[in-house]
Amino acid sequence: MNRFREGGTLLFPKLAPRDRRAILLGLALMVPALIYVFGVRPYRAALADVLDRVTAERQLLERELALLQSASTIPEAIRRAELEAARVENRMLQARGKVLAEAELTDFLEGSASRSRVLLEEVRSGELARGEAPPPGLEVIRLELRGESDLQGVLYLLDEIEKSQLLLRVRGLALEPELARPETDGDENGAREAVPTGVVTFQIVVDGFARQEVDPDMQVSSASGPAE
Protein backbone atom coordinates (compact mmCIF):
# COMPACT_ATOMS: atom_id res chain seq x y z
CA MET A 1 0.00 0.00 0.00
CA ASN A 2 2.84 2.38 0.83
CA ARG A 3 4.50 1.62 -2.53
CA PHE A 4 1.24 2.38 -4.33
CA ARG A 5 0.89 5.72 -2.60
CA GLU A 6 4.51 6.77 -3.07
CA GLY A 7 5.47 5.15 -6.36
CA GLY A 8 2.25 5.47 -8.38
CA THR A 9 0.31 2.83 -10.31
CA LEU A 10 1.51 -0.40 -11.85
CA LEU A 11 1.62 1.18 -15.38
CA PHE A 12 3.58 4.24 -14.45
CA PRO A 13 5.22 3.46 -11.07
CA LYS A 14 7.61 6.42 -11.07
CA LEU A 15 5.52 9.21 -12.61
CA ALA A 16 3.84 12.03 -10.84
CA PRO A 17 0.04 12.12 -10.91
CA ARG A 18 0.03 15.12 -13.27
CA ASP A 19 2.28 13.30 -15.77
CA ARG A 20 0.18 10.18 -15.57
CA ARG A 21 -2.96 12.17 -16.33
CA ALA A 22 -1.28 13.83 -19.31
CA ILE A 23 -0.16 10.45 -20.69
CA LEU A 24 -3.57 8.89 -20.18
CA LEU A 25 -5.22 11.88 -21.88
CA GLY A 26 -2.85 11.53 -24.81
CA LEU A 27 -3.62 7.84 -25.11
CA ALA A 28 -7.34 8.60 -24.96
CA LEU A 29 -6.90 10.91 -27.95
CA MET A 30 -4.51 8.71 -29.95
CA VAL A 31 -6.30 5.39 -29.65
CA PRO A 32 -9.48 6.51 -31.52
CA ALA A 33 -7.32 8.18 -34.18
CA LEU A 34 -5.28 5.03 -34.67
CA ILE A 35 -8.41 2.93 -34.85
CA TYR A 36 -9.80 5.25 -37.57
CA VAL A 37 -6.56 5.36 -39.58
CA PHE A 38 -5.77 1.64 -39.49
CA GLY A 39 -9.27 0.24 -39.17
CA VAL A 40 -12.19 2.43 -40.22
CA ARG A 41 -10.61 4.25 -43.18
CA PRO A 42 -9.30 1.12 -44.99
CA TYR A 43 -12.68 -0.53 -44.42
CA ARG A 44 -14.54 2.45 -45.90
CA ALA A 45 -12.16 2.58 -48.89
CA ALA A 46 -12.66 -1.13 -49.55
CA LEU A 47 -16.42 -0.73 -49.21
CA ALA A 48 -16.46 2.21 -51.67
CA ASP A 49 -14.40 0.18 -54.15
CA VAL A 50 -16.83 -2.73 -53.90
CA LEU A 51 -19.80 -0.39 -54.41
CA ASP A 52 -18.17 1.14 -57.50
CA ARG A 53 -17.57 -2.31 -58.98
CA VAL A 54 -21.14 -3.34 -58.22
CA THR A 55 -22.43 -0.18 -59.93
CA ALA A 56 -20.25 -0.81 -63.00
CA GLU A 57 -21.38 -4.43 -63.23
CA ARG A 58 -25.02 -3.38 -62.87
CA GLN A 59 -24.67 -0.84 -65.70
CA LEU A 60 -22.98 -3.46 -67.87
CA LEU A 61 -25.79 -5.90 -67.16
CA GLU A 62 -28.40 -3.27 -68.06
CA ARG A 63 -26.66 -2.58 -71.39
CA GLU A 64 -26.46 -6.28 -72.18
CA LEU A 65 -30.15 -6.76 -71.34
CA ALA A 66 -31.05 -3.77 -73.53
CA LEU A 67 -28.95 -5.27 -76.34
CA LEU A 68 -30.74 -8.59 -76.02
CA GLN A 69 -34.12 -6.86 -76.11
CA SER A 70 -33.16 -4.97 -79.28
CA ALA A 71 -31.63 -8.01 -81.00
CA SER A 72 -34.58 -8.31 -83.36
CA THR A 73 -34.11 -4.72 -84.60
CA ILE A 74 -30.36 -4.95 -85.19
CA PRO A 75 -30.56 -6.31 -88.79
CA GLU A 76 -32.87 -3.46 -89.79
CA ALA A 77 -30.60 -0.90 -88.13
CA ILE A 78 -27.61 -2.34 -89.99
CA ARG A 79 -29.51 -2.17 -93.27
CA ARG A 80 -30.43 1.49 -92.67
CA ALA A 81 -26.84 2.30 -91.78
CA GLU A 82 -25.61 0.65 -94.98
CA LEU A 83 -28.14 2.60 -97.06
CA GLU A 84 -27.09 5.86 -95.40
CA ALA A 85 -23.42 5.04 -96.01
CA ALA A 86 -24.17 4.31 -99.68
CA ARG A 87 -26.11 7.57 -99.99
CA VAL A 88 -23.21 9.56 -98.57
CA GLU A 89 -20.75 7.66 -100.76
CA ASN A 90 -22.76 8.58 -103.86
CA ARG A 91 -22.47 12.27 -102.96
CA MET A 92 -18.68 12.12 -103.05
CA LEU A 93 -16.61 12.89 -106.11
CA GLN A 94 -16.11 9.50 -107.72
CA ALA A 95 -12.90 10.20 -109.64
CA ARG A 96 -9.74 8.73 -108.10
CA GLY A 97 -6.86 11.12 -107.55
CA LYS A 98 -6.95 14.84 -106.85
CA VAL A 99 -6.44 15.91 -110.48
CA LEU A 100 -9.31 13.78 -111.78
CA ALA A 101 -11.55 14.85 -108.87
CA GLU A 102 -10.85 18.51 -109.68
CA ALA A 103 -11.76 17.85 -113.31
CA GLU A 104 -15.03 16.19 -112.24
CA LEU A 105 -15.94 19.11 -109.99
CA THR A 106 -14.95 21.62 -112.69
CA ASP A 107 -17.24 19.92 -115.22
CA PHE A 108 -20.15 20.11 -112.78
CA LEU A 109 -19.55 23.81 -111.98
CA GLU A 110 -19.20 24.73 -115.64
CA GLY A 111 -22.47 22.96 -116.42
CA SER A 112 -24.19 24.72 -113.51
CA ALA A 113 -22.85 28.08 -114.67
CA SER A 114 -24.12 27.45 -118.20
CA ARG A 115 -27.60 26.57 -116.92
CA SER A 116 -27.57 29.69 -114.73
CA ARG A 117 -26.40 31.95 -117.59
CA VAL A 118 -23.23 32.80 -115.74
CA LEU A 119 -19.96 33.53 -117.52
CA LEU A 120 -17.08 31.76 -115.80
CA GLU A 121 -13.85 33.59 -116.53
CA GLU A 122 -11.55 31.47 -114.39
CA VAL A 123 -11.64 28.18 -112.46
CA ARG A 124 -8.52 27.36 -110.50
CA SER A 125 -7.43 25.03 -107.75
CA GLY A 126 -7.48 26.39 -104.22
CA GLU A 127 -5.46 25.44 -101.17
CA LEU A 128 -6.60 24.82 -97.62
CA ALA A 129 -5.78 27.53 -95.13
CA ARG A 130 -3.01 27.00 -92.60
CA GLY A 131 -4.32 24.89 -89.75
CA GLU A 132 -7.40 23.78 -91.71
CA ALA A 133 -7.69 20.00 -91.75
CA PRO A 134 -9.99 17.88 -93.97
CA PRO A 135 -12.58 15.59 -92.37
CA PRO A 136 -11.19 12.18 -91.35
CA GLY A 137 -10.94 9.80 -94.29
CA LEU A 138 -11.81 12.49 -96.85
CA GLU A 139 -9.90 14.81 -99.14
CA VAL A 140 -11.12 18.35 -99.79
CA ILE A 141 -11.18 19.42 -103.45
CA ARG A 142 -11.27 23.22 -103.41
CA LEU A 143 -11.92 25.34 -106.49
CA GLU A 144 -11.99 29.12 -106.80
CA LEU A 145 -14.39 30.53 -109.38
CA ARG A 146 -14.33 33.99 -110.93
CA GLY A 147 -16.87 35.29 -113.40
CA GLU A 148 -19.69 37.70 -114.07
CA SER A 149 -23.45 37.74 -114.53
CA ASP A 150 -26.42 39.61 -113.18
CA LEU A 151 -27.43 39.10 -109.56
CA GLN A 152 -30.17 36.65 -110.51
CA GLY A 153 -27.68 34.50 -112.42
CA VAL A 154 -25.34 34.34 -109.42
CA LEU A 155 -28.26 33.34 -107.19
CA TYR A 156 -29.22 30.62 -109.66
CA LEU A 157 -25.65 29.32 -109.61
CA LEU A 158 -25.60 29.20 -105.80
CA ASP A 159 -28.94 27.38 -105.86
CA GLU A 160 -27.51 24.82 -108.31
CA ILE A 161 -24.59 24.24 -105.96
CA GLU A 162 -26.83 23.91 -102.92
CA LYS A 163 -29.24 21.45 -104.55
CA SER A 164 -26.52 19.38 -106.18
CA GLN A 165 -26.39 15.64 -105.72
CA LEU A 166 -22.73 16.13 -104.87
CA LEU A 167 -21.75 17.08 -101.35
CA LEU A 168 -20.53 20.66 -101.85
CA ARG A 169 -19.79 23.54 -99.53
CA VAL A 170 -19.46 27.24 -100.38
CA ARG A 171 -16.47 28.47 -98.39
CA GLY A 172 -16.32 32.02 -99.72
CA LEU A 173 -18.40 34.47 -101.72
CA ALA A 174 -17.60 38.00 -102.91
CA LEU A 175 -19.80 40.16 -105.14
CA GLU A 176 -19.00 43.49 -106.74
CA PRO A 177 -21.37 45.40 -109.05
CA GLU A 178 -19.90 46.93 -112.18
CA LEU A 179 -20.48 50.67 -112.46
CA ALA A 180 -20.61 52.95 -115.50
CA ARG A 181 -19.95 56.67 -115.53
CA PRO A 182 -22.08 58.39 -118.22
CA GLU A 183 -20.50 60.99 -120.46
CA THR A 184 -20.97 64.65 -119.51
CA ASP A 185 -21.95 65.91 -123.01
CA GLY A 186 -20.18 69.18 -122.21
CA ASP A 187 -22.07 69.69 -118.98
CA GLU A 188 -20.36 72.35 -116.87
CA ASN A 189 -21.16 70.42 -113.70
CA GLY A 190 -18.52 67.86 -114.57
CA ALA A 191 -18.77 64.07 -114.64
CA ARG A 192 -21.99 62.44 -113.57
CA GLU A 193 -22.25 59.91 -110.78
CA ALA A 194 -21.49 56.29 -111.65
CA VAL A 195 -24.54 54.07 -112.02
CA PRO A 196 -24.85 50.27 -111.78
CA THR A 197 -24.82 48.43 -115.10
CA GLY A 198 -26.67 45.38 -113.76
CA VAL A 199 -23.56 43.22 -114.18
CA VAL A 200 -22.02 41.65 -111.09
CA THR A 201 -18.54 40.22 -110.88
CA PHE A 202 -18.18 37.42 -108.35
CA GLN A 203 -15.68 35.16 -106.71
CA ILE A 204 -16.85 31.87 -105.17
CA VAL A 205 -14.83 29.26 -103.31
CA VAL A 206 -16.39 25.78 -103.50
CA ASP A 207 -15.33 22.63 -101.65
CA GLY A 208 -16.04 19.14 -102.91
CA PHE A 209 -15.13 15.91 -101.13
CA ALA A 210 -13.50 12.70 -102.29
CA ARG A 211 -12.41 9.54 -100.58
CA GLN A 212 -8.87 9.84 -99.28
CA GLU A 213 -6.49 7.66 -101.24
CA VAL A 214 -4.73 4.96 -99.23
CA ASP A 215 -1.07 4.37 -99.92
CA PRO A 216 -0.77 0.67 -100.96
CA ASP A 217 2.59 0.38 -99.18
CA MET A 218 1.08 1.69 -95.94
CA GLN A 219 -1.92 -0.63 -96.32
CA VAL A 220 0.34 -3.69 -96.78
CA SER A 221 2.48 -2.61 -93.83
CA SER A 222 -0.59 -2.16 -91.64
CA ALA A 223 -1.96 -5.57 -92.64
CA SER A 224 1.30 -7.39 -92.00
CA GLY A 225 1.82 -5.78 -88.62
CA PRO A 226 5.13 -4.98 -86.91
CA ALA A 227 8.04 -7.25 -87.60
CA GLU A 228 9.18 -9.47 -84.73
C-alpha atoms as a PDB file:
ATOM      1  CA  MET A   1       0.000   0.000   0.000  1.00  0.00           C
ATOM      2  CA  ASN A   2       2.841   2.379   0.826  1.00  0.00           C
ATOM      3  CA  ARG A   3       4.501   1.622  -2.528  1.00  0.00           C
ATOM      4  CA  PHE A   4       1.235   2.379  -4.326  1.00  0.00           C
ATOM      5  CA  ARG A   5       0.894   5.715  -2.601  1.00  0.00           C
ATOM      6  CA  GLU A   6       4.509   6.769  -3.070  1.00  0.00           C
ATOM      7  CA  GLY A   7       5.470   5.151  -6.358  1.00  0.00           C
ATOM      8  CA  GLY A   8       2.255   5.472  -8.385  1.00  0.00           C
ATOM      9  CA  THR A   9       0.314   2.832 -10.309  1.00  0.00           C
ATOM     10  CA  LEU A  10       1.510  -0.405 -11.851  1.00  0.00           C
ATOM     11  CA  LEU A  11       1.618   1.184 -15.384  1.00  0.00           C
ATOM     12  CA  PHE A  12       3.581   4.240 -14.454  1.00  0.00           C
ATOM     13  CA  PRO A  13       5.217   3.462 -11.074  1.00  0.00           C
ATOM     14  CA  LYS A  14       7.612   6.418 -11.071  1.00  0.00           C
ATOM     15  CA  LEU A  15       5.518   9.210 -12.614  1.00  0.00           C
ATOM     16  CA  ALA A  16       3.838  12.028 -10.835  1.00  0.00           C
ATOM     17  CA  PRO A  17       0.038  12.120 -10.909  1.00  0.00           C
ATOM     18  CA  ARG A  18       0.030  15.120 -13.273  1.00  0.00           C
ATOM     19  CA  ASP A  19       2.284  13.303 -15.766  1.00  0.00           C
ATOM     20  CA  ARG A  20       0.184  10.179 -15.566  1.00  0.00           C
ATOM     21  CA  ARG A  21      -2.959  12.175 -16.328  1.00  0.00           C
ATOM     22  CA  ALA A  22      -1.285  13.825 -19.310  1.00  0.00           C
ATOM     23  CA  ILE A  23      -0.162  10.451 -20.690  1.00  0.00           C
ATOM     24  CA  LEU A  24      -3.570   8.894 -20.180  1.00  0.00           C
ATOM     25  CA  LEU A  25      -5.224  11.882 -21.877  1.00  0.00           C
ATOM     26  CA  GLY A  26      -2.854  11.535 -24.809  1.00  0.00           C
ATOM     27  CA  LEU A  27      -3.622   7.841 -25.106  1.00  0.00           C
ATOM     28  CA  ALA A  28      -7.342   8.603 -24.955  1.00  0.00           C
ATOM     29  CA  LEU A  29      -6.895  10.910 -27.953  1.00  0.00           C
ATOM     30  CA  MET A  30      -4.512   8.707 -29.953  1.00  0.00           C
ATOM     31  CA  VAL A  31      -6.303   5.387 -29.654  1.00  0.00           C
ATOM     32  CA  PRO A  32      -9.484   6.508 -31.521  1.00  0.00           C
ATOM     33  CA  ALA A  33      -7.322   8.183 -34.185  1.00  0.00           C
ATOM     34  CA  LEU A  34      -5.276   5.025 -34.673  1.00  0.00           C
ATOM     35  CA  ILE A  35      -8.415   2.930 -34.853  1.00  0.00           C
ATOM     36  CA  TYR A  36      -9.804   5.249 -37.570  1.00  0.00           C
ATOM     37  CA  VAL A  37      -6.556   5.362 -39.584  1.00  0.00           C
ATOM     38  CA  PHE A  38      -5.774   1.639 -39.491  1.00  0.00           C
ATOM     39  CA  GLY A  39      -9.272   0.240 -39.172  1.00  0.00           C
ATOM     40  CA  VAL A  40     -12.191   2.433 -40.219  1.00  0.00           C
ATOM     41  CA  ARG A  41     -10.606   4.255 -43.180  1.00  0.00           C
ATOM     42  CA  PRO A  42      -9.303   1.117 -44.989  1.00  0.00           C
ATOM     43  CA  TYR A  43     -12.682  -0.526 -44.423  1.00  0.00           C
ATOM     44  CA  ARG A  44     -14.539   2.445 -45.899  1.00  0.00           C
ATOM     45  CA  ALA A  45     -12.164   2.578 -48.888  1.00  0.00           C
ATOM     46  CA  ALA A  46     -12.660  -1.130 -49.550  1.00  0.00           C
ATOM     47  CA  LEU A  47     -16.419  -0.733 -49.209  1.00  0.00           C
ATOM     48  CA  ALA A  48     -16.455   2.208 -51.667  1.00  0.00           C
ATOM     49  CA  ASP A  49     -14.398   0.178 -54.155  1.00  0.00           C
ATOM     50  CA  VAL A  50     -16.828  -2.735 -53.902  1.00  0.00           C
ATOM     51  CA  LEU A  51     -19.803  -0.385 -54.405  1.00  0.00           C
ATOM     52  CA  ASP A  52     -18.165   1.138 -57.497  1.00  0.00           C
ATOM     53  CA  ARG A  53     -17.569  -2.310 -58.985  1.00  0.00           C
ATOM     54  CA  VAL A  54     -21.137  -3.340 -58.223  1.00  0.00           C
ATOM     55  CA  THR A  55     -22.429  -0.180 -59.928  1.00  0.00           C
ATOM     56  CA  ALA A  56     -20.246  -0.807 -63.001  1.00  0.00           C
ATOM     57  CA  GLU A  57     -21.380  -4.432 -63.225  1.00  0.00           C
ATOM     58  CA  ARG A  58     -25.015  -3.378 -62.869  1.00  0.00           C
ATOM     59  CA  GLN A  59     -24.666  -0.843 -65.696  1.00  0.00           C
ATOM     60  CA  LEU A  60     -22.975  -3.457 -67.872  1.00  0.00           C
ATOM     61  CA  LEU A  61     -25.791  -5.895 -67.156  1.00  0.00           C
ATOM     62  CA  GLU A  62     -28.399  -3.268 -68.058  1.00  0.00           C
ATOM     63  CA  ARG A  63     -26.658  -2.584 -71.390  1.00  0.00           C
ATOM     64  CA  GLU A  64     -26.464  -6.282 -72.175  1.00  0.00           C
ATOM     65  CA  LEU A  65     -30.145  -6.760 -71.342  1.00  0.00           C
ATOM     66  CA  ALA A  66     -31.049  -3.774 -73.526  1.00  0.00           C
ATOM     67  CA  LEU A  67     -28.953  -5.265 -76.343  1.00  0.00           C
ATOM     68  CA  LEU A  68     -30.741  -8.587 -76.018  1.00  0.00           C
ATOM     69  CA  GLN A  69     -34.119  -6.857 -76.109  1.00  0.00           C
ATOM     70  CA  SER A  70     -33.160  -4.973 -79.279  1.00  0.00           C
ATOM     71  CA  ALA A  71     -31.628  -8.009 -81.000  1.00  0.00           C
ATOM     72  CA  SER A  72     -34.581  -8.305 -83.364  1.00  0.00           C
ATOM     73  CA  THR A  73     -34.111  -4.720 -84.600  1.00  0.00           C
ATOM     74  CA  ILE A  74     -30.361  -4.955 -85.190  1.00  0.00           C
ATOM     75  CA  PRO A  75     -30.559  -6.307 -88.793  1.00  0.00           C
ATOM     76  CA  GLU A  76     -32.872  -3.460 -89.793  1.00  0.00           C
ATOM     77  CA  ALA A  77     -30.595  -0.905 -88.125  1.00  0.00           C
ATOM     78  CA  ILE A  78     -27.610  -2.339 -89.994  1.00  0.00           C
ATOM     79  CA  ARG A  79     -29.510  -2.169 -93.274  1.00  0.00           C
ATOM     80  CA  ARG A  80     -30.434   1.486 -92.671  1.00  0.00           C
ATOM     81  CA  ALA A  81     -26.835   2.302 -91.782  1.00  0.00           C
ATOM     82  CA  GLU A  82     -25.610   0.652 -94.980  1.00  0.00           C
ATOM     83  CA  LEU A  83     -28.140   2.598 -97.057  1.00  0.00           C
ATOM     84  CA  GLU A  84     -27.088   5.861 -95.404  1.00  0.00           C
ATOM     85  CA  ALA A  85     -23.420   5.042 -96.013  1.00  0.00           C
ATOM     86  CA  ALA A  86     -24.167   4.312 -99.675  1.00  0.00           C
ATOM     87  CA  ARG A  87     -26.109   7.570 -99.989  1.00  0.00           C
ATOM     88  CA  VAL A  88     -23.213   9.562 -98.566  1.00  0.00           C
ATOM     89  CA  GLU A  89     -20.753   7.663-100.761  1.00  0.00           C
ATOM     90  CA  ASN A  90     -22.757   8.576-103.858  1.00  0.00           C
ATOM     91  CA  ARG A  91     -22.467  12.270-102.962  1.00  0.00           C
ATOM     92  CA  MET A  92     -18.681  12.118-103.050  1.00  0.00           C
ATOM     93  CA  LEU A  93     -16.610  12.888-106.111  1.00  0.00           C
ATOM     94  CA  GLN A  94     -16.108   9.497-107.718  1.00  0.00           C
ATOM     95  CA  ALA A  95     -12.896  10.195-109.639  1.00  0.00           C
ATOM     96  CA  ARG A  96      -9.739   8.734-108.105  1.00  0.00           C
ATOM     97  CA  GLY A  97      -6.864  11.124-107.553  1.00  0.00           C
ATOM     98  CA  LYS A  98      -6.948  14.844-106.855  1.00  0.00           C
ATOM     99  CA  VAL A  99      -6.444  15.911-110.478  1.00  0.00           C
ATOM    100  CA  LEU A 100      -9.313  13.781-111.775  1.00  0.00           C
ATOM    101  CA  ALA A 101     -11.548  14.847-108.868  1.00  0.00           C
ATOM    102  CA  GLU A 102     -10.847  18.513-109.677  1.00  0.00           C
ATOM    103  CA  ALA A 103     -11.761  17.848-113.306  1.00  0.00           C
ATOM    104  CA  GLU A 104     -15.026  16.186-112.237  1.00  0.00           C
ATOM    105  CA  LEU A 105     -15.937  19.110-109.987  1.00  0.00           C
ATOM    106  CA  THR A 106     -14.949  21.620-112.685  1.00  0.00           C
ATOM    107  CA  ASP A 107     -17.245  19.916-115.216  1.00  0.00           C
ATOM    108  CA  PHE A 108     -20.146  20.113-112.782  1.00  0.00           C
ATOM    109  CA  LEU A 109     -19.553  23.811-111.980  1.00  0.00           C
ATOM    110  CA  GLU A 110     -19.196  24.729-115.640  1.00  0.00           C
ATOM    111  CA  GLY A 111     -22.473  22.964-116.419  1.00  0.00           C
ATOM    112  CA  SER A 112     -24.192  24.724-113.507  1.00  0.00           C
ATOM    113  CA  ALA A 113     -22.846  28.082-114.673  1.00  0.00           C
ATOM    114  CA  SER A 114     -24.116  27.454-118.196  1.00  0.00           C
ATOM    115  CA  ARG A 115     -27.601  26.572-116.920  1.00  0.00           C
ATOM    116  CA  SER A 116     -27.570  29.688-114.729  1.00  0.00           C
ATOM    117  CA  ARG A 117     -26.399  31.951-117.588  1.00  0.00           C
ATOM    118  CA  VAL A 118     -23.229  32.804-115.744  1.00  0.00           C
ATOM    119  CA  LEU A 119     -19.964  33.534-117.517  1.00  0.00           C
ATOM    120  CA  LEU A 120     -17.079  31.759-115.805  1.00  0.00           C
ATOM    121  CA  GLU A 121     -13.854  33.592-116.526  1.00  0.00           C
ATOM    122  CA  GLU A 122     -11.545  31.472-114.387  1.00  0.00           C
ATOM    123  CA  VAL A 123     -11.645  28.185-112.461  1.00  0.00           C
ATOM    124  CA  ARG A 124      -8.521  27.364-110.499  1.00  0.00           C
ATOM    125  CA  SER A 125      -7.428  25.030-107.755  1.00  0.00           C
ATOM    126  CA  GLY A 126      -7.485  26.389-104.218  1.00  0.00           C
ATOM    127  CA  GLU A 127      -5.458  25.441-101.171  1.00  0.00           C
ATOM    128  CA  LEU A 128      -6.601  24.817 -97.618  1.00  0.00           C
ATOM    129  CA  ALA A 129      -5.777  27.530 -95.129  1.00  0.00           C
ATOM    130  CA  ARG A 130      -3.015  26.996 -92.599  1.00  0.00           C
ATOM    131  CA  GLY A 131      -4.315  24.887 -89.749  1.00  0.00           C
ATOM    132  CA  GLU A 132      -7.396  23.782 -91.715  1.00  0.00           C
ATOM    133  CA  ALA A 133      -7.692  19.997 -91.753  1.00  0.00           C
ATOM    134  CA  PRO A 134      -9.988  17.880 -93.969  1.00  0.00           C
ATOM    135  CA  PRO A 135     -12.585  15.588 -92.372  1.00  0.00           C
ATOM    136  CA  PRO A 136     -11.193  12.182 -91.350  1.00  0.00           C
ATOM    137  CA  GLY A 137     -10.935   9.799 -94.290  1.00  0.00           C
ATOM    138  CA  LEU A 138     -11.815  12.493 -96.850  1.00  0.00           C
ATOM    139  CA  GLU A 139      -9.903  14.813 -99.135  1.00  0.00           C
ATOM    140  CA  VAL A 140     -11.115  18.352 -99.790  1.00  0.00           C
ATOM    141  CA  ILE A 141     -11.182  19.421-103.452  1.00  0.00           C
ATOM    142  CA  ARG A 142     -11.273  23.215-103.407  1.00  0.00           C
ATOM    143  CA  LEU A 143     -11.919  25.336-106.492  1.00  0.00           C
ATOM    144  CA  GLU A 144     -11.987  29.119-106.802  1.00  0.00           C
ATOM    145  CA  LEU A 145     -14.392  30.531-109.385  1.00  0.00           C
ATOM    146  CA  ARG A 146     -14.332  33.988-110.927  1.00  0.00           C
ATOM    147  CA  GLY A 147     -16.866  35.293-113.398  1.00  0.00           C
ATOM    148  CA  GLU A 148     -19.694  37.699-114.070  1.00  0.00           C
ATOM    149  CA  SER A 149     -23.450  37.736-114.529  1.00  0.00           C
ATOM    150  CA  ASP A 150     -26.419  39.607-113.183  1.00  0.00           C
ATOM    151  CA  LEU A 151     -27.433  39.101-109.561  1.00  0.00           C
ATOM    152  CA  GLN A 152     -30.172  36.648-110.512  1.00  0.00           C
ATOM    153  CA  GLY A 153     -27.676  34.504-112.420  1.00  0.00           C
ATOM    154  CA  VAL A 154     -25.338  34.344-109.418  1.00  0.00           C
ATOM    155  CA  LEU A 155     -28.258  33.337-107.185  1.00  0.00           C
ATOM    156  CA  TYR A 156     -29.224  30.619-109.663  1.00  0.00           C
ATOM    157  CA  LEU A 157     -25.649  29.320-109.605  1.00  0.00           C
ATOM    158  CA  LEU A 158     -25.604  29.204-105.798  1.00  0.00           C
ATOM    159  CA  ASP A 159     -28.937  27.377-105.861  1.00  0.00           C
ATOM    160  CA  GLU A 160     -27.511  24.823-108.305  1.00  0.00           C
ATOM    161  CA  ILE A 161     -24.586  24.236-105.964  1.00  0.00           C
ATOM    162  CA  GLU A 162     -26.830  23.913-102.916  1.00  0.00           C
ATOM    163  CA  LYS A 163     -29.241  21.454-104.551  1.00  0.00           C
ATOM    164  CA  SER A 164     -26.519  19.384-106.180  1.00  0.00           C
ATOM    165  CA  GLN A 165     -26.390  15.639-105.725  1.00  0.00           C
ATOM    166  CA  LEU A 166     -22.734  16.133-104.872  1.00  0.00           C
ATOM    167  CA  LEU A 167     -21.752  17.083-101.349  1.00  0.00           C
ATOM    168  CA  LEU A 168     -20.530  20.656-101.849  1.00  0.00           C
ATOM    169  CA  ARG A 169     -19.789  23.537 -99.529  1.00  0.00           C
ATOM    170  CA  VAL A 170     -19.460  27.235-100.379  1.00  0.00           C
ATOM    171  CA  ARG A 171     -16.470  28.472 -98.393  1.00  0.00           C
ATOM    172  CA  GLY A 172     -16.319  32.021 -99.716  1.00  0.00           C
ATOM    173  CA  LEU A 173     -18.399  34.470-101.722  1.00  0.00           C
ATOM    174  CA  ALA A 174     -17.597  37.997-102.910  1.00  0.00           C
ATOM    175  CA  LEU A 175     -19.804  40.159-105.136  1.00  0.00           C
ATOM    176  CA  GLU A 176     -19.000  43.489-106.741  1.00  0.00           C
ATOM    177  CA  PRO A 177     -21.368  45.403-109.046  1.00  0.00           C
ATOM    178  CA  GLU A 178     -19.903  46.930-112.178  1.00  0.00           C
ATOM    179  CA  LEU A 179     -20.477  50.669-112.464  1.00  0.00           C
ATOM    180  CA  ALA A 180     -20.609  52.946-115.502  1.00  0.00           C
ATOM    181  CA  ARG A 181     -19.950  56.673-115.534  1.00  0.00           C
ATOM    182  CA  PRO A 182     -22.083  58.391-118.222  1.00  0.00           C
ATOM    183  CA  GLU A 183     -20.501  60.994-120.463  1.00  0.00           C
ATOM    184  CA  THR A 184     -20.968  64.653-119.511  1.00  0.00           C
ATOM    185  CA  ASP A 185     -21.947  65.912-123.005  1.00  0.00           C
ATOM    186  CA  GLY A 186     -20.182  69.182-122.208  1.00  0.00           C
ATOM    187  CA  ASP A 187     -22.070  69.693-118.976  1.00  0.00           C
ATOM    188  CA  GLU A 188     -20.360  72.346-116.870  1.00  0.00           C
ATOM    189  CA  ASN A 189     -21.164  70.422-113.697  1.00  0.00           C
ATOM    190  CA  GLY A 190     -18.517  67.863-114.573  1.00  0.00           C
ATOM    191  CA  ALA A 191     -18.771  64.072-114.637  1.00  0.00           C
ATOM    192  CA  ARG A 192     -21.990  62.438-113.566  1.00  0.00           C
ATOM    193  CA  GLU A 193     -22.252  59.906-110.780  1.00  0.00           C
ATOM    194  CA  ALA A 194     -21.492  56.293-111.649  1.00  0.00           C
ATOM    195  CA  VAL A 195     -24.541  54.067-112.017  1.00  0.00           C
ATOM    196  CA  PRO A 196     -24.850  50.266-111.784  1.00  0.00           C
ATOM    197  CA  THR A 197     -24.821  48.432-115.099  1.00  0.00           C
ATOM    198  CA  GLY A 198     -26.671  45.376-113.762  1.00  0.00           C
ATOM    199  CA  VAL A 199     -23.559  43.220-114.179  1.00  0.00           C
ATOM    200  CA  VAL A 200     -22.016  41.655-111.093  1.00  0.00           C
ATOM    201  CA  THR A 201     -18.542  40.224-110.878  1.00  0.00           C
ATOM    202  CA  PHE A 202     -18.181  37.421-108.352  1.00  0.00           C
ATOM    203  CA  GLN A 203     -15.682  35.162-106.709  1.00  0.00           C
ATOM    204  CA  ILE A 204     -16.849  31.866-105.174  1.00  0.00           C
ATOM    205  CA  VAL A 205     -14.831  29.256-103.306  1.00  0.00           C
ATOM    206  CA  VAL A 206     -16.385  25.785-103.500  1.00  0.00           C
ATOM    207  CA  ASP A 207     -15.327  22.632-101.654  1.00  0.00           C
ATOM    208  CA  GLY A 208     -16.036  19.136-102.908  1.00  0.00           C
ATOM    209  CA  PHE A 209     -15.134  15.913-101.126  1.00  0.00           C
ATOM    210  CA  ALA A 210     -13.495  12.702-102.291  1.00  0.00           C
ATOM    211  CA  ARG A 211     -12.409   9.541-100.579  1.00  0.00           C
ATOM    212  CA  GLN A 212      -8.871   9.837 -99.285  1.00  0.00           C
ATOM    213  CA  GLU A 213      -6.492   7.665-101.241  1.00  0.00           C
ATOM    214  CA  VAL A 214      -4.735   4.964 -99.229  1.00  0.00           C
ATOM    215  CA  ASP A 215      -1.071   4.365 -99.924  1.00  0.00           C
ATOM    216  CA  PRO A 216      -0.767   0.671-100.961  1.00  0.00           C
ATOM    217  CA  ASP A 217       2.593   0.382 -99.180  1.00  0.00           C
ATOM    218  CA  MET A 218       1.081   1.693 -95.936  1.00  0.00           C
ATOM    219  CA  GLN A 219      -1.925  -0.627 -96.317  1.00  0.00           C
ATOM    220  CA  VAL A 220       0.337  -3.688 -96.777  1.00  0.00           C
ATOM    221  CA  SER A 221       2.476  -2.613 -93.828  1.00  0.00           C
ATOM    222  CA  SER A 222      -0.586  -2.159 -91.642  1.00  0.00           C
ATOM    223  CA  ALA A 223      -1.962  -5.568 -92.636  1.00  0.00           C
ATOM    224  CA  SER A 224       1.301  -7.393 -91.998  1.00  0.00           C
ATOM    225  CA  GLY A 225       1.825  -5.780 -88.616  1.00  0.00           C
ATOM    226  CA  PRO A 226       5.128  -4.983 -86.907  1.00  0.00           C
ATOM    227  CA  ALA A 227       8.042  -7.254 -87.598  1.00  0.00           C
ATOM    228  CA  GLU A 228       9.180  -9.465 -84.727  1.00  0.00           C
END
